[in-house]
Amino acid sequence: MLKVIHYDDLGHVNMGWLDARYHFSFGRYVDRDRMGFGPIRVINDDIINPGTGFDLHEHKDMEIITYVRTGAIHHGDNLGNKGITRAGDVQVMSAGSGIHHSEAADPKEETTLYQIWIKPREQGITPRWKQAEISKAPVTDQLNLLVSGFAADQDKGALYIHQHAAIYGGTIKAGTKLNQEFPTSSLYILISEGSVQINNSPLCHKGDGVEITGDRNLNIIAETDSEILVICV
């Protein structure tokens, strides 16, 4: 089954410095029919003004993945981790027993990103933070593996999460056709840029989400230069 969640139907909060679209209930946006997708609890599509961000705050027992689309995000936490994750790259924070962190957008340009929260398969783990640079070359055959909690993927360079889930992504040139099999049959797809057709669906456009259940295979056709993420849970 395939269901498209259009960008205009997402939850929306504009705080001035932050313009956010919510795929699932978050903060002041509550929709009892949109509380998550499997272990996915949060997907926020954030636009953050230059030099602004999230002050020091705490998280517990959540796998928090940030995929930066434009600009950069500056991370710091109470474990001493510091880093800058730039456009096209990804960071993972396992909050576990508790971690305090802050995040700030690049001081010179607007930053756009996806923040994805996935419930871990166990609680109280030791907190950690990691980041990785991802190839920026357009994909022609298979989307890149970015994040995974599957044992079979741990020698493939993916950032680890404490859940049987994985995230794939990449940019696709207009006219490219991909056929890819994924490790699960529950998939949540994010159209970060462009317009694509997925499994003979109507066109999906920038900002849309797509829920797929009962199918491990995706046939993707890029109608324009595009960028997508596929979250497997």
Protein backbone atom coordinates (compact mmCIF):
# COMPACT_ATOMS: atom_id res chain seq x y z
CA MET A 1 0.00 0.00 0.00
CA LEU A 2 1.24 3.49 -0.87
CA LYS A 3 0.05 6.72 0.74
CA VAL A 4 1.30 10.21 -0.16
CA ILE A 5 1.37 12.85 2.60
CA HIS A 6 1.48 16.18 0.79
CA TYR A 7 3.66 19.02 2.04
CA ASP A 8 0.69 21.35 2.45
CA ASP A 9 -0.99 18.80 4.75
CA LEU A 10 1.93 18.58 7.19
CA GLY A 11 1.82 20.24 10.60
CA HIS A 12 3.26 23.74 10.47
CA VAL A 13 4.80 26.02 13.10
CA ASN A 14 6.62 29.27 12.33
CA MET A 15 8.56 30.76 15.25
CA GLY A 16 10.32 33.42 13.20
CA TRP A 17 13.79 31.93 13.54
CA LEU A 18 12.44 28.42 12.82
CA ASP A 19 9.93 27.47 10.13
CA ALA A 20 9.06 23.80 10.68
CA ARG A 21 6.84 21.25 8.97
CA TYR A 22 5.93 18.16 10.98
CA HIS A 23 5.21 14.77 9.43
CA PHE A 24 3.99 13.54 12.83
CA SER A 25 2.61 15.13 16.00
CA PHE A 26 5.27 17.24 17.68
CA GLY A 27 5.17 20.04 20.26
CA ARG A 28 2.15 22.28 19.69
CA TYR A 29 1.07 20.29 16.63
CA VAL A 30 -1.09 17.33 17.65
CA ASP A 31 -2.84 14.97 15.22
CA ARG A 32 -3.91 11.71 16.85
CA ASP A 33 -3.89 10.05 13.42
CA ARG A 34 -0.25 11.06 12.88
CA MET A 35 1.66 9.78 15.92
CA GLY A 36 4.41 7.92 14.09
CA PHE A 37 5.17 5.15 11.61
CA GLY A 38 6.45 1.98 13.23
CA PRO A 39 9.35 3.04 15.50
CA ILE A 40 9.58 6.43 13.74
CA ARG A 41 8.25 9.02 16.19
CA VAL A 42 9.31 12.34 14.64
CA ILE A 43 10.21 13.69 11.21
CA ASN A 44 10.64 17.46 11.19
CA ASP A 45 11.42 19.43 8.04
CA ASP A 46 13.17 22.50 9.48
CA ILE A 47 14.22 25.84 8.00
CA ILE A 48 16.51 27.63 10.49
CA ASN A 49 17.63 31.24 10.20
CA PRO A 50 21.40 31.93 10.10
CA GLY A 51 23.10 31.90 13.50
CA THR A 52 19.99 30.74 15.38
CA GLY A 53 19.14 27.33 16.74
CA PHE A 54 18.26 25.15 19.69
CA ASP A 55 19.73 26.07 23.09
CA LEU A 56 21.08 23.41 25.45
CA HIS A 57 18.37 20.84 26.19
CA GLU A 58 18.09 17.18 27.17
CA HIS A 59 16.99 14.02 25.35
CA LYS A 60 16.59 10.46 26.61
CA ASP A 61 15.99 7.08 24.98
CA MET A 62 15.73 8.18 21.37
CA GLU A 63 17.83 7.74 18.22
CA ILE A 64 18.01 11.22 16.68
CA ILE A 65 19.21 11.46 13.08
CA THR A 66 19.84 14.79 11.38
CA TYR A 67 20.19 14.99 7.60
CA VAL A 68 21.37 18.44 6.49
CA ARG A 69 20.04 19.61 3.14
CA THR A 70 21.50 23.13 2.88
CA GLY A 71 23.78 25.15 5.14
CA ALA A 72 25.27 23.43 8.17
CA ILE A 73 24.42 22.55 11.76
CA HIS A 74 26.86 23.12 14.65
CA HIS A 75 26.54 20.50 17.42
CA GLY A 76 27.84 20.54 20.99
CA ASP A 77 26.96 18.33 23.97
CA ASN A 78 27.80 17.66 27.61
CA LEU A 79 29.95 14.66 26.62
CA GLY A 80 32.42 16.99 24.94
CA ASN A 81 31.39 16.19 21.37
CA LYS A 82 31.59 19.10 18.94
CA GLY A 83 31.13 19.07 15.19
CA ILE A 84 29.72 20.70 12.08
CA THR A 85 27.48 18.65 9.81
CA ARG A 86 27.21 20.18 6.36
CA ALA A 87 24.78 19.90 3.45
CA GLY A 88 24.36 16.33 2.24
CA ASP A 89 25.87 14.83 5.40
CA VAL A 90 24.31 13.10 8.40
CA GLN A 91 24.73 12.92 12.16
CA VAL A 92 23.34 10.46 14.71
CA MET A 93 22.82 11.02 18.44
CA SER A 94 21.83 8.09 20.63
CA ALA A 95 20.29 9.86 23.61
CA GLY A 96 20.09 6.72 25.75
CA SER A 97 20.32 7.37 29.50
CA GLY A 98 20.44 11.13 28.86
CA ILE A 99 22.39 13.73 26.92
CA HIS A 100 22.30 17.54 26.85
CA HIS A 101 23.08 19.17 23.52
CA SER A 102 22.69 22.38 21.55
CA GLU A 103 22.47 22.96 17.80
CA ALA A 104 22.99 26.15 15.83
CA ALA A 105 22.60 26.91 12.13
CA ASP A 106 25.45 28.18 10.04
CA PRO A 107 26.02 31.85 10.98
CA LYS A 108 26.10 33.03 7.35
CA GLU A 109 23.30 31.15 5.61
CA GLU A 110 19.91 29.57 6.16
CA THR A 111 20.05 25.90 7.11
CA THR A 112 17.48 23.32 6.08
CA LEU A 113 17.41 19.81 7.48
CA TYR A 114 15.39 16.76 8.39
CA GLN A 115 15.40 15.73 12.03
CA ILE A 116 14.28 12.12 12.44
CA TRP A 117 13.56 10.46 15.79
CA ILE A 118 13.44 6.68 15.97
CA LYS A 119 12.56 4.81 19.14
CA PRO A 120 15.44 2.51 20.22
CA ARG A 121 15.00 -1.21 20.75
CA GLU A 122 16.45 -0.86 24.27
CA GLN A 123 16.49 1.90 26.85
CA GLY A 124 19.21 3.34 29.07
CA ILE A 125 22.10 2.80 26.66
CA THR A 126 25.28 4.88 26.88
CA PRO A 127 24.75 8.17 25.00
CA ARG A 128 26.83 8.80 21.88
CA TRP A 129 27.16 11.14 18.89
CA LYS A 130 28.65 10.48 15.47
CA GLN A 131 28.64 12.14 12.07
CA ALA A 132 29.58 11.07 8.54
CA GLU A 133 30.29 12.71 5.19
CA ILE A 134 28.23 11.30 2.34
CA SER A 135 29.13 11.15 -1.34
CA LYS A 136 27.56 14.07 -3.20
CA ALA A 137 27.73 12.33 -6.60
CA PRO A 138 24.28 11.67 -8.07
CA VAL A 139 23.26 8.02 -7.77
CA THR A 140 22.66 6.04 -10.93
CA ASP A 141 21.84 2.57 -9.60
CA GLN A 142 21.24 2.39 -5.83
CA LEU A 143 20.63 4.95 -3.08
CA ASN A 144 23.46 5.32 -0.56
CA LEU A 145 23.19 3.56 2.81
CA LEU A 146 23.49 6.33 5.43
CA VAL A 147 22.33 4.88 8.75
CA SER A 148 21.61 1.33 9.92
CA GLY A 149 21.02 -0.77 12.99
CA PHE A 150 21.20 -4.07 11.08
CA ALA A 151 24.22 -6.24 11.89
CA ALA A 152 24.73 -7.05 8.20
CA ASP A 153 25.37 -3.36 7.45
CA GLN A 154 28.05 -2.59 10.01
CA ASP A 155 30.93 -3.15 7.57
CA LYS A 156 29.35 -0.83 5.00
CA GLY A 157 30.24 2.48 6.60
CA ALA A 158 26.74 3.30 7.83
CA LEU A 159 26.25 5.26 11.06
CA TYR A 160 24.88 2.92 13.73
CA ILE A 161 21.52 3.26 15.47
CA HIS A 162 20.02 1.09 18.21
CA GLN A 163 17.03 -0.10 16.19
CA HIS A 164 16.38 -2.55 13.37
CA ALA A 165 16.01 0.26 10.87
CA ALA A 166 18.01 1.89 8.09
CA ILE A 167 18.10 5.11 6.10
CA TYR A 168 19.14 5.40 2.47
CA GLY A 169 19.46 8.57 0.42
CA GLY A 170 20.99 10.45 -2.45
CA THR A 171 20.57 12.89 -5.29
CA ILE A 172 19.15 11.68 -8.61
CA LYS A 173 19.51 13.35 -12.00
CA ALA A 174 16.41 13.99 -14.09
CA GLY A 175 15.50 10.94 -16.17
CA THR A 176 17.28 8.45 -13.92
CA LYS A 177 15.38 5.26 -13.08
CA LEU A 178 16.21 3.25 -9.97
CA ASN A 179 15.02 -0.16 -8.85
CA GLN A 180 16.10 -1.10 -5.35
CA GLU A 181 15.16 -3.72 -2.76
CA PHE A 182 15.23 -2.64 0.90
CA PRO A 183 15.64 -4.68 4.11
CA THR A 184 12.07 -4.08 5.34
CA SER A 185 8.62 -3.76 3.78
CA SER A 186 7.66 -0.66 5.78
CA LEU A 187 9.21 2.40 4.14
CA TYR A 188 8.82 6.13 4.76
CA ILE A 189 10.13 8.25 1.90
CA LEU A 190 11.03 11.94 2.06
CA ILE A 191 11.18 14.01 -1.12
CA SER A 192 13.88 16.50 -0.22
CA GLU A 193 14.12 18.09 -3.66
CA GLY A 194 12.52 17.80 -7.08
CA SER A 195 9.72 15.59 -8.36
CA VAL A 196 9.72 11.80 -8.56
CA GLN A 197 7.39 8.95 -9.37
CA ILE A 198 7.46 5.98 -6.99
CA ASN A 199 5.94 2.59 -7.85
CA ASN A 200 3.67 4.14 -10.48
CA SER A 201 2.24 6.68 -8.03
CA PRO A 202 1.21 10.18 -9.07
CA LEU A 203 4.14 12.57 -9.02
CA CYS A 204 5.53 13.30 -5.55
CA HIS A 205 7.10 16.73 -5.07
CA LYS A 206 9.57 18.49 -2.79
CA GLY A 207 8.42 18.29 0.83
CA ASP A 208 6.06 15.35 0.38
CA GLY A 209 6.25 12.16 2.41
CA VAL A 210 5.31 8.70 1.18
CA GLU A 211 4.31 5.73 3.36
CA ILE A 212 4.74 2.27 1.85
CA THR A 213 3.72 -0.94 3.61
CA GLY A 214 3.99 -4.49 2.34
CA ASP A 215 6.59 -3.87 -0.37
CA ARG A 216 10.41 -4.00 -0.16
CA ASN A 217 10.95 -2.87 -3.74
CA LEU A 218 10.92 0.67 -5.05
CA ASN A 219 10.82 1.76 -8.66
CA ILE A 220 11.83 5.41 -8.73
CA ILE A 221 11.80 7.72 -11.73
CA ALA A 222 13.25 11.22 -11.31
CA GLU A 223 11.19 13.66 -13.35
CA THR A 224 13.56 16.50 -12.36
CA ASP A 225 16.87 16.65 -10.53
CA SER A 226 15.83 15.27 -7.15
CA GLU A 227 16.97 14.22 -3.69
CA ILE A 228 15.22 11.60 -1.56
CA LEU A 229 15.58 9.69 1.70
CA VAL A 230 14.13 6.23 2.35
CA ILE A 231 13.64 5.21 5.98
CA CYS A 232 13.23 1.44 6.43
CA VAL A 233 11.57 0.26 9.66
